[in-house]
Amino acid sequence: MTDYDLAQRSVLQTLLDSHPRLMDAGELDDRLPNIPRVQEALRVLVDDGLATKLGDRVGASRAAVRFRALSAS
């Protein structure tokens, strides 16, 4: 797994763990201090439909939450 994949997985996991609460984008950086390029990973996840960004607030998309629920079964 590349560092970029690790960053995307870490960001998505953090967003899913805080669901349904949206978090401040800065809070996301604070929660992942050892992960490189958090904001770049977030941008990719938003572009791919796995994360939602509303102003400076971010969260897991409905599709990501649903996929997590289906994967747990």
C-alpha atoms as a PDB file:
ATOM      1  CA  MET A   1       0.000   0.000   0.000  1.00  0.00           C
ATOM      2  CA  THR A   2       1.377   3.403  -0.933  1.00  0.00           C
ATOM      3  CA  ASP A   3       1.514   6.295   1.513  1.00  0.00           C
ATOM      4  CA  TYR A   4      -1.256   7.945  -0.477  1.00  0.00           C
ATOM      5  CA  ASP A   5      -3.501   4.890  -0.082  1.00  0.00           C
ATOM      6  CA  LEU A   6      -2.723   4.901   3.631  1.00  0.00           C
ATOM      7  CA  ALA A   7      -3.694   8.562   3.854  1.00  0.00           C
ATOM      8  CA  GLN A   8      -7.012   7.970   2.066  1.00  0.00           C
ATOM      9  CA  ARG A   9      -7.827   4.909   4.185  1.00  0.00           C
ATOM     10  CA  SER A  10      -6.966   6.761   7.387  1.00  0.00           C
ATOM     11  CA  VAL A  11      -9.023   9.812   6.474  1.00  0.00           C
ATOM     12  CA  LEU A  12     -12.017   7.714   5.447  1.00  0.00           C
ATOM     13  CA  GLN A  13     -11.810   5.573   8.592  1.00  0.00           C
ATOM     14  CA  THR A  14     -11.708   8.698  10.753  1.00  0.00           C
ATOM     15  CA  LEU A  15     -14.724  10.175   8.958  1.00  0.00           C
ATOM     16  CA  LEU A  16     -16.656   6.919   9.265  1.00  0.00           C
ATOM     17  CA  ASP A  17     -15.814   6.639  12.968  1.00  0.00           C
ATOM     18  CA  SER A  18     -17.196  10.117  13.619  1.00  0.00           C
ATOM     19  CA  HIS A  19     -20.339   9.599  11.503  1.00  0.00           C
ATOM     20  CA  PRO A  20     -22.924  11.138  11.576  1.00  0.00           C
ATOM     21  CA  ARG A  21     -21.059  14.115  13.007  1.00  0.00           C
ATOM     22  CA  LEU A  22     -19.289  16.400  10.566  1.00  0.00           C
ATOM     23  CA  MET A  23     -15.874  17.534  11.709  1.00  0.00           C
ATOM     24  CA  ASP A  24     -13.837  20.617  11.008  1.00  0.00           C
ATOM     25  CA  ALA A  25     -11.153  20.034   8.377  1.00  0.00           C
ATOM     26  CA  GLY A  26      -8.537  21.205  10.892  1.00  0.00           C
ATOM     27  CA  GLU A  27      -9.783  18.653  13.411  1.00  0.00           C
ATOM     28  CA  LEU A  28      -9.169  15.958  10.820  1.00  0.00           C
ATOM     29  CA  ASP A  29      -5.536  17.073  10.573  1.00  0.00           C
ATOM     30  CA  ASP A  30      -5.280  17.042  14.379  1.00  0.00           C
ATOM     31  CA  ARG A  31      -6.617  13.477  14.585  1.00  0.00           C
ATOM     32  CA  LEU A  32      -4.130  12.194  12.014  1.00  0.00           C
ATOM     33  CA  PRO A  33      -0.809  13.846  12.936  1.00  0.00           C
ATOM     34  CA  ASN A  34       1.346  11.020  11.542  1.00  0.00           C
ATOM     35  CA  ILE A  35      -0.485  10.702   8.226  1.00  0.00           C
ATOM     36  CA  PRO A  36       0.966  12.610   5.261  1.00  0.00           C
ATOM     37  CA  ARG A  37      -1.152  14.739   2.918  1.00  0.00           C
ATOM     38  CA  VAL A  38      -4.449  14.509   4.820  1.00  0.00           C
ATOM     39  CA  GLN A  39      -6.080  17.374   2.925  1.00  0.00           C
ATOM     40  CA  GLU A  40      -5.038  15.941  -0.453  1.00  0.00           C
ATOM     41  CA  ALA A  41      -6.468  12.554   0.529  1.00  0.00           C
ATOM     42  CA  LEU A  42      -9.684  14.256   1.624  1.00  0.00           C
ATOM     43  CA  ARG A  43      -9.970  16.025  -1.734  1.00  0.00           C
ATOM     44  CA  VAL A  44      -9.661  12.712  -3.587  1.00  0.00           C
ATOM     45  CA  LEU A  45     -12.283  11.096  -1.336  1.00  0.00           C
ATOM     46  CA  VAL A  46     -14.672  14.006  -1.956  1.00  0.00           C
ATOM     47  CA  ASP A  47     -14.067  13.786  -5.714  1.00  0.00           C
ATOM     48  CA  ASP A  48     -14.715  10.026  -5.587  1.00  0.00           C
ATOM     49  CA  GLY A  49     -17.964  10.471  -3.628  1.00  0.00           C
ATOM     50  CA  LEU A  50     -16.731   8.816  -0.417  1.00  0.00           C
ATOM     51  CA  ALA A  51     -16.588  12.021   1.620  1.00  0.00           C
ATOM     52  CA  THR A  52     -18.695  15.159   1.795  1.00  0.00           C
ATOM     53  CA  LYS A  53     -17.406  18.677   2.316  1.00  0.00           C
ATOM     54  CA  LEU A  54     -19.716  21.500   3.382  1.00  0.00           C
ATOM     55  CA  GLY A  55     -17.679  24.662   3.818  1.00  0.00           C
ATOM     56  CA  ASP A  56     -14.993  23.778   6.325  1.00  0.00           C
ATOM     57  CA  ARG A  57     -16.914  20.754   7.664  1.00  0.00           C
ATOM     58  CA  VAL A  58     -16.252  17.242   6.373  1.00  0.00           C
ATOM     59  CA  GLY A  59     -17.825  13.840   6.840  1.00  0.00           C
ATOM     60  CA  ALA A  60     -18.326  10.423   5.322  1.00  0.00           C
ATOM     61  CA  SER A  61     -20.744  10.280   2.407  1.00  0.00           C
ATOM     62  CA  ARG A  62     -23.921   8.241   2.539  1.00  0.00           C
ATOM     63  CA  ALA A  63     -22.384   5.825   0.018  1.00  0.00           C
ATOM     64  CA  ALA A  64     -19.327   5.254   2.229  1.00  0.00           C
ATOM     65  CA  VAL A  65     -21.482   4.641   5.302  1.00  0.00           C
ATOM     66  CA  ARG A  66     -23.685   2.203   3.402  1.00  0.00           C
ATOM     67  CA  PHE A  67     -20.700   0.333   1.974  1.00  0.00           C
ATOM     68  CA  ARG A  68     -19.220  -0.007   5.460  1.00  0.00           C
ATOM     69  CA  ALA A  69     -22.513  -1.452   6.713  1.00  0.00           C
ATOM     70  CA  LEU A  70     -22.685  -3.953   3.865  1.00  0.00           C
ATOM     71  CA  SER A  71     -19.029  -4.954   4.299  1.00  0.00           C
ATOM     72  CA  ALA A  72     -19.528  -5.745   7.979  1.00  0.00           C
ATOM     73  CA  SER A  73     -22.100  -8.416   7.221  1.00  0.00           C
END
